[in-house]
């Protein structure tokens, strides 16, 4: 891929991300009249008990998501809504309890001509934001053994010191995760930092970015096949891997196993040896 092609794609990406935040806004060079931001008090959105292996899933559009371990047995999801131009109360919450766990969504006003926004687990549901600037920050308490999934468009995801599997997906923001279980993380404009505690991978794991670095720490006894690729950046590893060609590294950890894939376009990749 040529530098010209990469720069062109990054330009299109930047335009697209700006469109997510302001589909129809026109910037006044003199600036709008001063607006007093409105922040609603922290609200407990959902609390309940999930079994080990079940999942608490959070879906946002604008705003950070943070998850932390709790010594308790209940999952607690809280949120703070803040708006500058728009009333934060126009964003509501929906909770869907299903066979695999619970999904909590920030629901923005419907966009004319598009399907109504609704909450659903995994790839189900519909979530669109036209021009609202309301930011929803989620805080989640996750008991041991419960899996966590966080998804947002403009915001960072931080899920640290958890004791279940973790998935973090964002478009404009960082994805920072650490767990005694397995994890996956992705972003477009941001960096990925991930640490997993399980050496026995039971599936392929991906850690990807476009404009940002990717750092992954795995146990020293991990059995996996590694594929790492970058267009503009360097790849380093605490393990012995093979340099296939510039920007491409492959190799076997231990006895081999599922694929551990690390990739970015612009940034550095590091694969580190944990305990």
Foldseek 3Di string as FASTA:
>chain_A
DDPVVLVVVVVVLVVVLVCQQAVDDDQDPVGDDFFDKDKDDKDWPDKDADDQQAEEEEEEAAAEEEEEEDQDRMKIKIKMKMFTPDDRVQWDKDWDQDPRGIYIYTAHADDPPDDHFDDDPDPDTDHGDRHGNMYMYMYIYDYARYEYEYEYEHYEYYYEAHHYEYEYEYEHYEYEYEYLAHYAYEYEHYEYHYEYNDQEDPAEHEYEYAAEEYEYEYELQHWAKEWEFEAAEEEEEPDDWADPDVRIIIDTRHNHDHYYYYYYYHYYYYYYYDD
